[in-house]
Amino acid sequence: MDIQVLGEDSLRIKSKKTTLAIDPKTAIQKFDADAILLTGKEGDVNRITNYRVVINGAGEYEVAGLKIVGIKSEDDLLFCLISENVKMLVAKASSLKQISTEKIGDYQIVVINTDADVSESAITAMEPSIVILYGLKAKETAKALGKEAVTVSSKVSFAEDKLPEETQVMVLG
């Protein structure tokens, strides 16, 4: 699986069968995706080509074998992505503050747009193998999670069947 940051708040998540665009903005380069996920009210769907669906509401969806669950917080959406082997959460930090950790559950991979301060206890409660941070406060959030030496990259890749035993924190930028 590949997760790539495009601009400040946009992501491309690519698994074996599915490509997702998360919060595409006008400033990013156009690319093909199977689905567009909007965590908030803003997003430029014109930057994405050949998409089949725009998901901007709570509910359960399936795109190319990938199960997607939209969870409503007060202002935004959090997305749970479920493939054959892995549960992944994609959320804004501001949305995580508005929802109880019991409602969120456990995830192997947690991807957070650090648009606000992140509660370390909310992240550790999910018991993730990999935490991927991007956005305004990504570096300081990584330090708060105990990652002193932060390496920033534009893309991370990992095999769904070979997740680390110890929690890894990665920063996209």
Protein backbone atom coordinates (compact mmCIF):
# COMPACT_ATOMS: atom_id res chain seq x y z
CA MET A 1 0.00 0.00 0.00
CA ASP A 2 1.24 3.49 -0.86
CA ILE A 3 0.20 6.72 0.85
CA GLN A 4 1.38 9.92 -0.79
CA VAL A 5 0.87 13.52 0.27
CA LEU A 6 -0.14 15.90 -2.52
CA GLY A 7 0.00 19.52 -1.46
CA GLU A 8 -0.74 20.45 2.13
CA ASP A 9 -3.96 18.56 2.89
CA SER A 10 -4.47 16.11 0.01
CA LEU A 11 -3.55 12.43 -0.10
CA ARG A 12 -3.48 9.58 -2.59
CA ILE A 13 -3.91 6.12 -1.08
CA LYS A 14 -3.15 3.27 -3.44
CA SER A 15 -3.72 -0.37 -2.62
CA LYS A 16 -3.46 -3.37 -4.95
CA LYS A 17 -6.88 -2.79 -6.54
CA THR A 18 -7.99 0.68 -5.46
CA THR A 19 -6.79 4.28 -5.64
CA LEU A 20 -8.41 6.87 -3.37
CA ALA A 21 -8.11 10.65 -3.40
CA ILE A 22 -8.47 12.23 0.05
CA ASP A 23 -9.49 15.92 0.12
CA PRO A 24 -8.14 16.93 -3.32
CA LYS A 25 -7.34 20.65 -3.58
CA THR A 26 -6.99 22.94 -6.60
CA ALA A 27 -3.19 23.17 -6.20
CA ILE A 28 -2.52 19.45 -6.81
CA GLN A 29 -1.73 17.78 -10.10
CA LYS A 30 -4.57 15.80 -11.73
CA PHE A 31 -4.59 12.02 -11.29
CA ASP A 32 -6.88 8.99 -11.72
CA ALA A 33 -8.69 7.55 -8.70
CA ASP A 34 -11.52 5.10 -8.10
CA ALA A 35 -13.10 7.25 -5.39
CA ILE A 36 -12.81 10.67 -3.77
CA LEU A 37 -13.20 10.92 0.01
CA LEU A 38 -13.97 14.34 1.49
CA THR A 39 -13.37 14.67 5.23
CA GLY A 40 -14.74 18.22 5.23
CA LYS A 41 -16.83 20.50 3.09
CA GLU A 42 -14.01 21.55 0.77
CA GLY A 43 -12.40 19.65 -2.06
CA ASP A 44 -11.82 20.11 -5.78
CA VAL A 45 -13.17 17.00 -7.52
CA ASN A 46 -12.05 18.47 -10.87
CA ARG A 47 -8.44 17.52 -9.95
CA ILE A 48 -9.38 13.81 -10.09
CA THR A 49 -10.09 11.93 -13.31
CA ASN A 50 -11.94 8.67 -13.98
CA TYR A 51 -13.46 8.47 -10.49
CA ARG A 52 -16.61 6.43 -9.89
CA VAL A 53 -17.88 7.97 -6.68
CA VAL A 54 -17.47 10.95 -4.35
CA ILE A 55 -17.97 9.99 -0.71
CA ASN A 56 -18.85 12.98 1.45
CA GLY A 57 -21.37 11.53 3.87
CA ALA A 58 -21.63 9.03 6.69
CA GLY A 59 -22.47 5.45 5.76
CA GLU A 60 -21.02 2.22 4.39
CA TYR A 61 -19.62 1.99 0.88
CA GLU A 62 -17.61 -0.44 -1.22
CA VAL A 63 -15.24 0.54 -4.01
CA ALA A 64 -13.28 -2.10 -5.95
CA GLY A 65 -13.38 -4.55 -3.03
CA LEU A 66 -12.39 -1.94 -0.43
CA LYS A 67 -14.97 -1.36 2.31
CA ILE A 68 -15.27 2.30 3.33
CA VAL A 69 -17.18 3.49 6.38
CA GLY A 70 -17.83 7.22 6.80
CA ILE A 71 -18.22 8.22 10.47
CA LYS A 72 -19.71 11.64 11.23
CA SER A 73 -18.08 13.85 13.84
CA GLU A 74 -19.58 17.24 14.70
CA ASP A 75 -18.22 19.08 11.65
CA ASP A 76 -16.40 16.55 9.49
CA LEU A 77 -16.08 12.90 8.51
CA LEU A 78 -13.63 10.21 9.56
CA PHE A 79 -13.12 7.28 7.23
CA CYS A 80 -12.50 3.67 8.13
CA LEU A 81 -10.97 1.72 5.24
CA ILE A 82 -11.14 -2.05 5.49
CA SER A 83 -9.21 -4.24 3.07
CA GLU A 84 -8.66 -7.97 3.37
CA ASN A 85 -5.98 -7.71 6.05
CA VAL A 86 -6.01 -4.19 7.45
CA LYS A 87 -8.23 -1.60 9.11
CA MET A 88 -7.13 1.98 8.45
CA LEU A 89 -8.49 5.24 9.87
CA VAL A 90 -8.20 8.49 7.89
CA ALA A 91 -9.17 11.56 9.92
CA LYS A 92 -8.46 15.17 10.78
CA ALA A 93 -7.10 15.80 14.27
CA SER A 94 -9.92 18.28 14.87
CA SER A 95 -12.46 15.51 14.14
CA LEU A 96 -10.80 13.04 16.53
CA LYS A 97 -11.34 15.50 19.38
CA GLN A 98 -15.10 15.49 18.73
CA ILE A 99 -15.67 11.75 18.91
CA SER A 100 -15.22 9.24 21.73
CA THR A 101 -12.39 6.71 21.47
CA GLU A 102 -14.89 3.89 22.12
CA LYS A 103 -16.77 4.85 18.96
CA ILE A 104 -13.58 4.89 16.90
CA GLY A 105 -12.20 1.42 17.75
CA ASP A 106 -8.87 -0.24 16.92
CA TYR A 107 -6.92 0.24 13.68
CA GLN A 108 -3.64 -1.13 12.39
CA ILE A 109 -2.96 2.07 10.43
CA VAL A 110 -3.95 5.58 11.50
CA VAL A 111 -3.57 8.49 9.04
CA ILE A 112 -4.11 11.92 10.60
CA ASN A 113 -4.23 15.39 9.08
CA THR A 114 -2.77 17.39 11.96
CA ASP A 115 -4.93 20.48 11.44
CA ALA A 116 -5.12 20.85 15.26
CA ASP A 117 -3.37 19.46 18.33
CA VAL A 118 -3.70 15.69 18.51
CA SER A 119 -4.53 13.80 21.67
CA GLU A 120 -1.78 11.20 22.12
CA SER A 121 -4.14 9.09 24.23
CA ALA A 122 -6.67 8.97 21.37
CA ILE A 123 -3.99 7.60 19.06
CA THR A 124 -2.59 5.07 21.52
CA ALA A 125 -6.12 3.88 22.36
CA MET A 126 -6.47 2.71 18.72
CA GLU A 127 -3.36 0.50 19.15
CA PRO A 128 -1.98 1.18 15.65
CA SER A 129 1.06 -0.49 14.06
CA ILE A 130 1.65 2.57 11.88
CA VAL A 131 0.76 6.22 12.53
CA ILE A 132 1.07 8.51 9.50
CA LEU A 133 0.92 12.25 10.16
CA TYR A 134 0.62 15.11 7.69
CA GLY A 135 -0.52 18.72 7.80
CA LEU A 136 0.36 21.79 9.83
CA LYS A 137 1.34 20.17 13.13
CA ALA A 138 2.75 16.85 11.88
CA LYS A 139 6.30 17.29 13.21
CA GLU A 140 5.28 18.48 16.67
CA THR A 141 2.69 15.67 16.92
CA ALA A 142 5.37 13.11 16.03
CA LYS A 143 7.58 14.51 18.80
CA ALA A 144 4.67 14.33 21.26
CA LEU A 145 4.30 10.64 20.32
CA GLY A 146 7.95 10.07 21.24
CA LYS A 147 9.48 10.30 17.76
CA GLU A 148 12.38 12.74 18.31
CA ALA A 149 14.21 12.38 14.99
CA VAL A 150 11.52 13.07 12.39
CA THR A 151 12.16 12.17 8.77
CA VAL A 152 9.69 13.80 6.41
CA SER A 153 8.91 12.10 3.10
CA SER A 154 6.31 12.63 0.41
CA LYS A 155 5.30 8.95 0.26
CA VAL A 156 5.25 5.89 2.51
CA SER A 157 4.85 2.31 1.36
CA PHE A 158 4.23 -0.86 3.32
CA ALA A 159 2.94 -4.39 2.83
CA GLU A 160 -0.43 -5.01 4.45
CA ASP A 161 0.64 -8.49 5.54
CA LYS A 162 3.93 -7.32 7.10
CA LEU A 163 3.01 -4.59 9.58
CA PRO A 164 5.55 -3.79 12.33
CA GLU A 165 5.20 -5.16 15.87
CA GLU A 166 6.18 -1.84 17.47
CA THR A 167 4.23 1.30 16.59
CA GLN A 168 5.97 3.32 13.88
CA VAL A 169 5.34 7.04 13.43
CA MET A 170 5.84 8.52 9.96
CA VAL A 171 5.50 12.10 8.73
CA LEU A 172 4.41 13.10 5.23
CA GLY A 173 5.22 16.53 3.94
